[in-house]
Protein backbone atom coordinates (compact mmCIF):
# COMPACT_ATOMS: atom_id res chain seq x y z
CA MET A 1 -72.66 68.11 -21.23
CA ALA A 2 -74.60 66.04 -24.15
CA THR A 3 -73.53 62.32 -24.95
CA ALA A 4 -72.39 61.08 -27.65
CA ASP A 5 -75.43 59.08 -28.26
CA GLN A 6 -77.59 62.26 -27.89
CA LEU A 7 -75.20 64.20 -30.47
CA THR A 8 -76.05 61.46 -32.80
CA GLN A 9 -79.45 61.35 -32.57
CA GLN A 10 -79.16 65.35 -32.85
CA ILE A 11 -76.96 65.08 -35.64
CA GLN A 12 -79.80 62.21 -37.44
CA SER A 13 -82.92 64.82 -36.76
CA THR A 14 -81.25 67.67 -38.41
CA ILE A 15 -80.07 65.60 -41.35
CA ALA A 16 -83.63 63.96 -41.80
CA ASN A 17 -85.71 67.33 -41.24
CA GLN A 18 -83.47 69.80 -43.45
CA GLY A 19 -85.04 69.10 -46.52
CA LYS A 20 -88.38 69.97 -44.73
CA ASP A 21 -87.13 72.64 -42.97
CA ARG A 22 -85.63 74.39 -45.78
CA LEU A 23 -88.91 74.09 -47.92
CA ASP A 24 -90.41 75.38 -45.04
CA ARG A 25 -88.06 77.92 -44.30
CA TYR A 26 -88.39 79.01 -48.62
CA ASN A 27 -92.38 79.17 -48.18
CA GLN A 28 -91.64 81.74 -44.83
CA LEU A 29 -89.23 83.88 -46.94
CA HIS A 30 -91.72 83.61 -49.98
CA THR A 31 -94.64 85.45 -48.11
CA GLU A 32 -92.47 87.36 -45.69
CA LEU A 33 -90.77 89.21 -49.02
CA GLY A 34 -94.17 89.58 -50.92
CA ALA A 35 -93.10 87.38 -53.62
CA GLY A 36 -96.23 85.47 -53.21
CA ASP A 37 -98.52 89.03 -53.95
CA MET A 38 -95.95 89.98 -56.62
CA SER A 39 -96.25 86.64 -58.54
CA LYS A 40 -100.09 87.32 -58.05
CA SER A 41 -99.86 90.13 -59.83
CA ILE A 42 -97.56 89.32 -62.60
CA GLN A 43 -100.09 86.47 -63.56
CA SER A 44 -102.63 89.60 -63.71
CA ALA A 45 -100.81 91.42 -65.75
CA ARG A 46 -100.21 88.44 -68.20
CA GLN A 47 -103.90 87.38 -68.19
CA ASN A 48 -104.52 91.55 -69.13
CA ILE A 49 -101.51 91.51 -71.83
CA LEU A 50 -103.10 88.33 -73.43
CA ASP A 51 -106.84 89.84 -73.42
CA THR A 52 -105.56 93.19 -74.86
CA GLU A 53 -103.69 91.64 -77.75
CA ASN A 54 -106.84 89.21 -78.46
CA LEU A 55 -109.13 92.56 -78.62
CA LEU A 56 -106.44 94.41 -81.12
CA THR A 57 -106.73 91.40 -82.66
CA SER A 58 -110.33 91.44 -83.08
CA LEU A 59 -111.03 94.93 -83.31
CA PRO A 60 -110.98 95.60 -87.29
CA THR A 61 -113.70 92.86 -87.78
CA ASP A 62 -115.51 94.59 -84.86
CA VAL A 63 -115.24 97.92 -86.59
CA ARG A 64 -116.58 96.54 -89.65
CA ARG A 65 -119.58 94.87 -87.89
CA ARG A 66 -120.59 98.21 -86.24
CA THR A 67 -120.36 100.35 -89.57
CA ALA A 68 -122.20 97.96 -91.92
CA GLY A 69 -124.75 99.45 -93.36
CA ARG A 70 -123.81 103.12 -92.71
CA LEU A 71 -122.39 105.53 -95.69
CA MET A 72 -118.90 104.84 -94.57
CA ASN A 73 -115.76 104.63 -96.87
CA GLN A 74 -112.83 102.60 -96.44
CA GLY A 75 -110.99 105.65 -95.30
CA GLN A 76 -113.51 106.41 -92.73
CA GLN A 77 -113.18 103.07 -91.41
CA ASN A 78 -110.00 102.87 -91.18
CA ARG A 79 -110.03 106.41 -89.19
CA LEU A 80 -112.11 105.28 -86.92
CA LEU A 81 -110.15 102.06 -86.24
CA ALA A 82 -106.97 103.68 -85.90
CA TYR A 83 -108.73 106.15 -83.06
CA GLU A 84 -110.18 102.54 -81.03
CA ARG A 85 -106.53 101.44 -81.30
CA GLU A 86 -104.56 103.69 -79.70
CA PRO A 87 -105.91 103.45 -76.45
CA ILE A 88 -106.11 100.00 -76.16
CA THR A 89 -102.43 100.17 -77.55
CA GLN A 90 -101.13 102.48 -74.67
CA GLN A 91 -103.00 100.45 -72.49
CA LEU A 92 -101.09 97.50 -73.69
CA GLN A 93 -97.64 99.24 -73.27
CA ARG A 94 -98.55 100.22 -69.90
CA THR A 95 -99.63 96.45 -69.02
CA SER A 96 -96.05 95.05 -70.15
CA GLY A 97 -94.24 97.60 -68.54
CA ASN A 98 -95.52 96.80 -64.97
CA LEU A 99 -95.34 92.74 -65.81
CA ALA A 100 -91.77 93.43 -66.91
CA VAL A 101 -91.16 95.93 -63.59
CA GLY A 102 -93.20 93.11 -61.72
CA GLN A 103 -91.01 90.01 -63.05
CA GLN A 104 -87.48 92.12 -62.15
CA GLY A 105 -88.78 92.78 -58.54
CA TYR A 106 -89.91 88.88 -58.16
CA GLY A 107 -86.85 87.76 -59.72
CA ASP A 108 -84.92 90.04 -57.01
CA ILE A 109 -86.95 88.56 -54.21
CA ILE A 110 -86.20 84.98 -55.29
CA ASP A 111 -82.24 85.92 -55.34
CA GLU A 112 -82.91 87.28 -51.65
CA ILE A 113 -84.45 84.25 -50.74
CA ASP A 114 -81.68 81.76 -52.45
CA ARG A 115 -79.07 84.29 -50.65
CA ARG A 116 -80.70 83.74 -47.11
CA LEU A 117 -81.20 79.79 -47.41
CA GLY A 118 -77.80 79.88 -48.86
CA LEU A 119 -76.57 81.39 -45.61
CA GLU A 120 -78.72 79.41 -43.78
CA ASP A 121 -77.31 76.18 -45.34
CA THR A 122 -74.03 77.33 -44.73
CA THR A 123 -74.75 77.56 -40.77
CA ARG A 124 -76.59 74.48 -40.72
CA GLU A 125 -73.88 73.17 -42.16
CA GLN A 126 -71.15 74.48 -39.62
CA GLY A 127 -73.96 73.15 -36.98
CA LEU A 128 -73.27 69.84 -38.09
CA ASN A 129 -69.16 69.93 -38.28
CA GLU A 130 -69.53 71.05 -34.56
CA LEU A 131 -71.86 68.34 -33.43
CA TYR A 132 -69.76 65.97 -35.32
CA GLN A 133 -66.37 66.90 -33.64
CA GLN A 134 -68.16 67.20 -30.10
CA ARG A 135 -69.21 63.59 -30.64
CA SER A 136 -65.53 62.43 -31.88
CA ASN A 137 -64.47 64.48 -29.24
CA ILE A 138 -66.29 62.52 -26.76
CA TRP A 139 -65.74 59.15 -28.33
CA ASN A 140 -61.97 59.81 -28.26
CA MET A 141 -62.29 60.85 -24.35
CA ASP A 142 -64.21 57.71 -23.29
CA SER A 143 -61.80 55.48 -24.84
CA ALA A 144 -58.37 57.41 -23.73
CA ASN A 145 -60.51 57.36 -20.42
CA ALA A 146 -61.42 53.54 -20.69
CA GLN A 147 -57.80 52.60 -21.85
CA ARG A 148 -56.52 54.47 -18.59
CA ALA A 149 -58.56 53.01 -16.06
CA TYR A 150 -57.98 49.37 -17.79
CA GLU A 151 -54.45 50.25 -17.35
CA SER A 152 -54.76 51.23 -13.80
CA GLY A 153 -56.91 48.83 -13.06
CA GLN A 154 -54.23 46.24 -14.16
CA ASN A 155 -51.52 48.02 -12.44
CA ALA A 156 -53.32 47.94 -8.92
CA LEU A 157 -54.73 44.34 -9.45
CA ASN A 158 -50.69 43.25 -10.05
CA ARG A 159 -49.28 45.25 -6.87
CA ALA A 160 -51.79 43.98 -4.97
CA SER A 161 -51.36 40.05 -5.82
CA GLN A 162 -47.95 40.67 -5.73
CA THR A 163 -48.06 42.01 -2.46
CA ASN A 164 -50.18 39.20 -1.37
CA TYR A 165 -48.37 36.42 -2.68
CA LEU A 166 -44.91 38.25 -0.82
CA ASP A 167 -46.71 38.21 2.30
CA MET A 168 -48.12 34.42 2.37
CA ILE A 169 -44.21 33.45 1.25
CA ASN A 170 -42.88 35.62 4.65
CA GLU A 171 -45.50 34.23 6.55
CA ILE A 172 -44.56 30.84 5.63
CA ASN A 173 -41.28 31.19 5.82
CA LYS A 174 -41.72 32.48 9.39
CA ILE A 175 -42.96 29.25 10.59
CA LEU A 176 -40.95 26.99 8.17
CA ASN A 177 -37.61 27.83 8.76
CA PRO A 178 -37.73 27.27 12.69
CA ALA A 179 -38.94 24.10 12.26
CA ALA A 180 -36.28 23.06 10.05
CA SER A 181 -33.42 24.58 11.74
CA ARG A 182 -34.69 23.01 15.21
CA SER A 183 -35.15 19.28 13.02
CA ASN A 184 -31.44 19.07 12.98
CA GLU A 185 -30.93 18.99 16.84
CA GLY A 186 -31.72 15.34 19.08
CA ARG A 187 -34.55 13.40 19.19
CA THR A 188 -36.06 15.30 22.40
CA SER A 189 -35.13 18.32 20.82
CA ARG A 190 -36.93 17.32 17.80
CA ASN A 191 -39.64 15.71 19.00
CA SER A 192 -40.44 18.89 21.23
CA THR A 193 -39.87 21.14 18.12
CA THR A 194 -42.25 18.73 15.98
CA THR A 195 -45.09 19.12 18.72
CA THR A 196 -44.23 23.10 18.52
CA ALA A 197 -43.95 23.59 14.86
CA LYS A 198 -47.73 21.32 14.86
CA LYS A 199 -49.00 23.74 16.79
CA GLN A 200 -47.88 26.64 15.49
CA GLY A 201 -48.51 25.33 11.64
CA GLY A 202 -51.83 24.08 13.36
CA SER A 203 -52.39 27.69 14.33
CA TRP A 204 -50.99 29.78 11.05
CA LEU A 205 -53.10 27.47 8.84
CA GLN A 206 -56.12 28.14 10.61
CA SER A 207 -55.09 32.07 10.71
CA LEU A 208 -54.18 31.73 6.98
CA GLY A 209 -57.43 30.49 6.21
CA ASN A 210 -59.45 33.08 7.51
CA SER A 211 -56.51 35.79 5.36
CA ALA A 212 -57.92 33.59 2.38
CA VAL A 213 -61.72 34.35 2.89
CA ASP A 214 -60.78 38.28 3.56
CA PHE A 215 -58.64 38.12 0.83
CA VAL A 216 -60.65 36.75 -1.40
CA ALA A 217 -64.06 38.02 -1.09
CA PRO A 218 -63.38 41.92 -2.13
CA ASN A 219 -61.87 40.67 -5.34
CA LEU A 220 -64.51 38.33 -6.30
CA ARG A 221 -66.72 41.17 -5.66
CA SER A 222 -64.57 43.35 -7.86
CA GLY A 223 -65.04 40.55 -10.86
CA ILE A 224 -61.54 39.61 -10.67
CA THR A 225 -62.02 35.68 -10.89
CA ASN A 226 -59.18 34.98 -12.85
CA THR A 227 -56.69 36.23 -11.28
CA THR A 228 -58.36 35.24 -7.59
CA ASN A 229 -58.31 31.15 -8.47
CA SER A 230 -54.03 31.60 -9.16
CA LEU A 231 -53.64 33.44 -6.13
CA LEU A 232 -55.89 30.55 -4.49
CA ASN A 233 -54.04 27.59 -6.09
CA ASN A 234 -50.88 28.92 -5.11
CA PHE A 235 -52.43 29.76 -1.82
CA ASN A 236 -53.24 25.81 -1.54
CA ASN A 237 -49.46 24.90 -2.15
CA MET A 238 -48.12 27.21 -0.05
CA ILE A 239 -50.74 25.32 2.77
CA LYS A 240 -49.59 21.93 1.52
CA THR A 241 -46.11 23.06 2.13
CA ALA A 242 -46.72 24.08 5.59
CA GLN A 243 -48.72 20.88 6.43
CA LYS A 244 -45.51 18.69 5.26
CA TYR A 245 -42.96 20.49 7.68
CA ALA A 246 -45.50 20.83 10.71
CA LYS A 247 -45.70 16.97 10.76
């Protein structure tokens, strides 16, 4: 599946090249449908008509020049002129007819080219719209996934923080509550209890310190620095409280 960046590059490339692509396609269809050859025939017919019209225009002068010095009256000259003009006029009519047909055919070819290009433009536009939609869907999906991942991470972090925080409180209570209850007994008992509490407190503090390292390390690797620092502060406060009661 294409990425959003790949789709963007494809969209930009399509837009940038569509003008050149359309011109190349026009030239291709122009050749395939014979418009080029027909255009040459039209140009040739137009030149032929122009030459024929010039010939008809100059024909009277040419007849007079060729009959000069001959014993021909005006009527004879006119009949000769008409005789020579007739085939030229017929040729002009045929060429004009061919030109009209050629122009009509050429126009039909151009209309067909425009029709095909129009269909291809529509297809290209639909393709661009599909690319835009695919890219939009990816952006929306990425945004939704990022939001879900963020919320999931936050919830997991909150649960982990609360669980470790409560575990630490429970561990401290296990040590502090017995020491506090035994502190109300006699001096001998208090001294014994204090000694025991110190041993328990010292052992627990060491264990708690090791647990802190085990807990903080993975959080630091996960980049959850701010939350870890907050937990460490709470951790330190609890240790100070344990030390106070363990004296």
